[in-house]
Amino acid sequence: MIPPPLIPLLKPHQEAQHAVKEAAGERWQDKDARVDDARHTAARLLIEQWLDISVVQEIIGHSQLTTTKRYTHITATLSTDGAARMGRALWG
């Protein structure tokens, strides 16, 4: 699932990539790592928005939750925000 505002931004990139692929012919090599990098970034950004991991799984398109867990990592942003939330919950 792609956020709707991102679609028109990706369209020119997709068209340019298609043109390069056509020009390269048999020499073309897919670079799946870039797609994987984008998934890791998207997963991290979604987790930092405090989305439930099962929602992240659905958006990223993983069939197994264990795969999504490998894509998400606890960041300093999450740790700091989590501690601040706990402080507000306990002491207002």
N, C-alpha and C. Protein backbone atom coordinates (compact mmCIF):
# COMPACT_ATOMS: atom_id res chain seq x y z
N MET A 1 0.85 -1.17 0.00
CA MET A 1 0.00 0.00 0.00
C MET A 1 0.90 1.24 0.00
N ILE A 2 0.62 2.18 -0.87
CA ILE A 2 1.42 3.39 -1.00
C ILE A 2 0.56 4.58 -0.59
N PRO A 3 1.11 5.50 0.21
CA PRO A 3 0.35 6.70 0.56
C PRO A 3 -0.04 7.45 -0.72
N PRO A 4 -1.31 7.83 -0.88
CA PRO A 4 -1.77 8.49 -2.10
C PRO A 4 -0.92 9.68 -2.56
N PRO A 5 -0.43 10.57 -1.66
CA PRO A 5 0.38 11.69 -2.15
C PRO A 5 1.71 11.26 -2.78
N LEU A 6 2.16 10.05 -2.49
CA LEU A 6 3.42 9.57 -3.03
C LEU A 6 3.31 9.07 -4.47
N ILE A 7 2.12 8.67 -4.87
CA ILE A 7 1.93 8.07 -6.20
C ILE A 7 2.38 9.00 -7.33
N PRO A 8 1.93 10.27 -7.38
CA PRO A 8 2.38 11.11 -8.49
C PRO A 8 3.88 11.40 -8.45
N LEU A 9 4.50 11.29 -7.30
CA LEU A 9 5.94 11.50 -7.20
C LEU A 9 6.72 10.31 -7.73
N LEU A 10 6.16 9.13 -7.59
CA LEU A 10 6.84 7.91 -8.04
C LEU A 10 6.66 7.65 -9.53
N LYS A 11 5.59 8.16 -10.10
CA LYS A 11 5.28 7.89 -11.51
C LYS A 11 6.43 8.28 -12.46
N PRO A 12 6.99 9.50 -12.37
CA PRO A 12 8.11 9.84 -13.27
C PRO A 12 9.32 8.94 -13.07
N HIS A 13 9.58 8.55 -11.82
CA HIS A 13 10.70 7.65 -11.53
C HIS A 13 10.46 6.30 -12.20
N GLN A 14 9.26 5.80 -12.10
CA GLN A 14 8.92 4.51 -12.71
C GLN A 14 9.09 4.57 -14.22
N GLU A 15 8.63 5.67 -14.83
CA GLU A 15 8.75 5.81 -16.28
C GLU A 15 10.22 5.91 -16.70
N ALA A 16 11.02 6.64 -15.94
CA ALA A 16 12.45 6.77 -16.25
C ALA A 16 13.15 5.43 -16.11
N GLN A 17 12.82 4.69 -15.08
CA GLN A 17 13.44 3.39 -14.87
C GLN A 17 13.07 2.44 -16.01
N HIS A 18 11.84 2.51 -16.46
CA HIS A 18 11.41 1.66 -17.56
C HIS A 18 12.21 1.99 -18.83
N ALA A 19 12.45 3.28 -19.08
CA ALA A 19 13.22 3.68 -20.26
C ALA A 19 14.66 3.17 -20.18
N VAL A 20 15.26 3.25 -18.99
CA VAL A 20 16.63 2.77 -18.80
C VAL A 20 16.67 1.26 -19.01
N LYS A 21 15.69 0.57 -18.48
CA LYS A 21 15.62 -0.89 -18.61
C LYS A 21 15.51 -1.29 -20.09
N GLU A 22 14.67 -0.58 -20.82
CA GLU A 22 14.51 -0.85 -22.25
C GLU A 22 15.83 -0.63 -22.99
N ALA A 23 16.53 0.46 -22.67
CA ALA A 23 17.79 0.78 -23.34
C ALA A 23 18.87 -0.25 -23.01
N ALA A 24 18.87 -0.76 -21.79
CA ALA A 24 19.90 -1.71 -21.35
C ALA A 24 19.70 -3.09 -21.97
N GLY A 25 18.46 -3.41 -22.28
CA GLY A 25 18.18 -4.72 -22.88
C GLY A 25 18.62 -5.87 -22.00
N GLU A 26 19.40 -6.79 -22.57
CA GLU A 26 19.84 -7.98 -21.83
C GLU A 26 20.80 -7.65 -20.70
N ARG A 27 21.44 -6.50 -20.76
CA ARG A 27 22.41 -6.12 -19.72
C ARG A 27 21.74 -5.64 -18.44
N TRP A 28 20.41 -5.45 -18.47
CA TRP A 28 19.69 -4.94 -17.31
C TRP A 28 19.77 -5.91 -16.14
N GLN A 29 20.07 -5.36 -14.96
CA GLN A 29 20.08 -6.16 -13.73
C GLN A 29 19.20 -5.46 -12.71
N ASP A 30 18.21 -6.18 -12.19
CA ASP A 30 17.34 -5.60 -11.16
C ASP A 30 18.13 -5.39 -9.89
N LYS A 31 17.81 -4.31 -9.20
CA LYS A 31 18.46 -4.02 -7.92
C LYS A 31 17.41 -4.08 -6.82
N ASP A 32 17.12 -5.32 -6.38
CA ASP A 32 16.10 -5.54 -5.36
C ASP A 32 16.46 -4.90 -4.02
N ALA A 33 17.73 -4.66 -3.79
CA ALA A 33 18.16 -4.08 -2.51
C ALA A 33 17.50 -2.73 -2.29
N ARG A 34 17.29 -1.96 -3.33
CA ARG A 34 16.67 -0.65 -3.19
C ARG A 34 15.23 -0.77 -2.71
N VAL A 35 14.50 -1.75 -3.22
CA VAL A 35 13.14 -1.98 -2.76
C VAL A 35 13.17 -2.39 -1.29
N ASP A 36 14.12 -3.24 -0.94
CA ASP A 36 14.26 -3.69 0.44
C ASP A 36 14.60 -2.51 1.36
N ASP A 37 15.49 -1.62 0.90
CA ASP A 37 15.83 -0.43 1.68
C ASP A 37 14.59 0.42 1.92
N ALA A 38 13.79 0.58 0.89
CA ALA A 38 12.56 1.39 1.01
C ALA A 38 11.59 0.76 2.01
N ARG A 39 11.50 -0.56 2.00
CA ARG A 39 10.62 -1.23 2.97
C ARG A 39 11.11 -1.02 4.40
N HIS A 40 12.42 -1.12 4.61
CA HIS A 40 12.97 -0.89 5.95
C HIS A 40 12.66 0.53 6.41
N THR A 41 12.86 1.49 5.54
CA THR A 41 12.59 2.89 5.89
C THR A 41 11.12 3.09 6.19
N ALA A 42 10.26 2.57 5.34
CA ALA A 42 8.82 2.71 5.56
C ALA A 42 8.39 2.06 6.87
N ALA A 43 8.90 0.87 7.15
CA ALA A 43 8.55 0.18 8.40
C ALA A 43 8.98 1.01 9.61
N ARG A 44 10.20 1.55 9.55
CA ARG A 44 10.71 2.35 10.67
C ARG A 44 9.85 3.60 10.88
N LEU A 45 9.52 4.28 9.79
CA LEU A 45 8.70 5.49 9.90
C LEU A 45 7.31 5.19 10.45
N LEU A 46 6.74 4.08 10.02
CA LEU A 46 5.41 3.71 10.51
C LEU A 46 5.44 3.34 11.99
N ILE A 47 6.45 2.60 12.40
CA ILE A 47 6.59 2.23 13.81
C ILE A 47 6.79 3.49 14.65
N GLU A 48 7.56 4.44 14.14
CA GLU A 48 7.79 5.69 14.89
C GLU A 48 6.52 6.54 15.00
N GLN A 49 5.51 6.22 14.19
CA GLN A 49 4.21 6.89 14.31
C GLN A 49 3.30 6.12 15.28
N TRP A 50 3.87 5.14 15.94
CA TRP A 50 3.18 4.30 16.93
C TRP A 50 2.04 3.49 16.30
N LEU A 51 2.19 3.11 15.03
CA LEU A 51 1.23 2.19 14.43
C LEU A 51 1.48 0.80 14.98
N ASP A 52 0.42 0.07 15.15
CA ASP A 52 0.54 -1.32 15.59
C ASP A 52 1.31 -2.09 14.53
N ILE A 53 2.14 -3.01 14.96
CA ILE A 53 3.00 -3.74 14.03
C ILE A 53 2.20 -4.56 13.02
N SER A 54 0.99 -4.98 13.37
CA SER A 54 0.17 -5.72 12.40
C SER A 54 -0.32 -4.79 11.29
N VAL A 55 -0.51 -3.51 11.59
CA VAL A 55 -0.87 -2.54 10.57
C VAL A 55 0.33 -2.30 9.65
N VAL A 56 1.51 -2.19 10.25
CA VAL A 56 2.74 -2.04 9.47
C VAL A 56 2.91 -3.25 8.55
N GLN A 57 2.66 -4.43 9.07
CA GLN A 57 2.76 -5.66 8.27
C GLN A 57 1.85 -5.57 7.05
N GLU A 58 0.64 -5.12 7.23
CA GLU A 58 -0.32 -5.00 6.12
C GLU A 58 0.16 -4.00 5.07
N ILE A 59 0.63 -2.85 5.54
CA ILE A 59 1.09 -1.80 4.61
C ILE A 59 2.31 -2.25 3.83
N ILE A 60 3.27 -2.86 4.52
CA ILE A 60 4.51 -3.30 3.89
C ILE A 60 4.26 -4.49 2.95
N GLY A 61 3.24 -5.28 3.26
CA GLY A 61 2.88 -6.39 2.40
C GLY A 61 3.53 -7.72 2.77
N HIS A 62 3.90 -7.86 4.04
CA HIS A 62 4.48 -9.13 4.48
C HIS A 62 3.37 -10.10 4.84
N SER A 63 3.58 -11.38 4.53
CA SER A 63 2.60 -12.39 4.91
C SER A 63 2.83 -12.88 6.34
N GLN A 64 4.06 -12.74 6.84
CA GLN A 64 4.41 -13.19 8.18
C GLN A 64 4.81 -12.02 9.07
N LEU A 65 4.26 -11.99 10.28
CA LEU A 65 4.61 -10.93 11.22
C LEU A 65 6.08 -10.99 11.61
N THR A 66 6.65 -12.19 11.63
CA THR A 66 8.07 -12.33 11.98
C THR A 66 8.96 -11.59 10.98
N THR A 67 8.55 -11.55 9.72
CA THR A 67 9.31 -10.81 8.71
C THR A 67 9.25 -9.32 9.02
N THR A 68 8.08 -8.82 9.34
CA THR A 68 7.92 -7.40 9.67
C THR A 68 8.76 -7.04 10.88
N LYS A 69 8.82 -7.92 11.87
CA LYS A 69 9.62 -7.66 13.06
C LYS A 69 11.10 -7.50 12.72
N ARG A 70 11.56 -8.22 11.71
CA ARG A 70 12.97 -8.07 11.29
C ARG A 70 13.20 -6.73 10.62
N TYR A 71 12.17 -6.17 10.02
CA TYR A 71 12.28 -4.89 9.33
C TYR A 71 12.22 -3.70 10.29
N THR A 72 11.65 -3.91 11.46
CA THR A 72 11.47 -2.80 12.40
C THR A 72 12.50 -2.91 13.52
N HIS A 73 13.03 -1.79 13.88
CA HIS A 73 14.05 -1.74 14.93
C HIS A 73 13.69 -0.63 15.91
N ILE A 74 14.04 -0.83 17.15
CA ILE A 74 13.83 0.22 18.15
C ILE A 74 14.88 1.30 17.90
N THR A 75 14.42 2.51 17.69
CA THR A 75 15.34 3.62 17.42
C THR A 75 15.41 4.52 18.64
N ALA A 76 16.37 5.42 18.63
CA ALA A 76 16.48 6.39 19.72
C ALA A 76 15.21 7.24 19.82
N THR A 77 14.63 7.55 18.67
CA THR A 77 13.38 8.32 18.66
C THR A 77 12.29 7.59 19.41
N LEU A 78 12.14 6.30 19.14
CA LEU A 78 11.12 5.51 19.82
C LEU A 78 11.39 5.40 21.31
N SER A 79 12.64 5.17 21.67
CA SER A 79 12.98 5.04 23.10
C SER A 79 12.71 6.33 23.84
N THR A 80 13.13 7.45 23.28
CA THR A 80 12.93 8.75 23.92
C THR A 80 11.45 9.07 24.04
N ASP A 81 10.72 8.86 22.96
CA ASP A 81 9.28 9.14 22.96
C ASP A 81 8.55 8.23 23.92
N GLY A 82 8.94 6.95 23.94
CA GLY A 82 8.30 6.00 24.86
C GLY A 82 8.51 6.39 26.31
N ALA A 83 9.73 6.82 26.65
CA ALA A 83 10.02 7.24 28.03
C ALA A 83 9.21 8.49 28.39
N ALA A 84 9.10 9.41 27.43
CA ALA A 84 8.32 10.63 27.68
C ALA A 84 6.84 10.30 27.89
N ARG A 85 6.33 9.38 27.10
CA ARG A 85 4.92 8.97 27.25
C ARG A 85 4.68 8.32 28.62
N MET A 86 5.63 7.49 29.04
CA MET A 86 5.50 6.84 30.34
C MET A 86 5.52 7.90 31.45
N GLY A 87 6.41 8.87 31.32
CA GLY A 87 6.47 9.94 32.31
C GLY A 87 5.16 10.72 32.40
N ARG A 88 4.59 11.03 31.25
CA ARG A 88 3.29 11.74 31.23
C ARG A 88 2.18 10.89 31.83
N ALA A 89 2.21 9.56 31.55
CA ALA A 89 1.19 8.67 32.06
C ALA A 89 1.25 8.56 33.58
N LEU A 90 2.47 8.57 34.12
CA LEU A 90 2.63 8.41 35.56
C LEU A 90 2.53 9.72 36.35
N TRP A 91 3.07 10.78 35.78
CA TRP A 91 3.15 12.03 36.56
C TRP A 91 2.42 13.21 35.91
N GLY A 92 1.75 12.96 34.80
CA GLY A 92 0.95 14.01 34.18
C GLY A 92 1.66 15.02 33.38
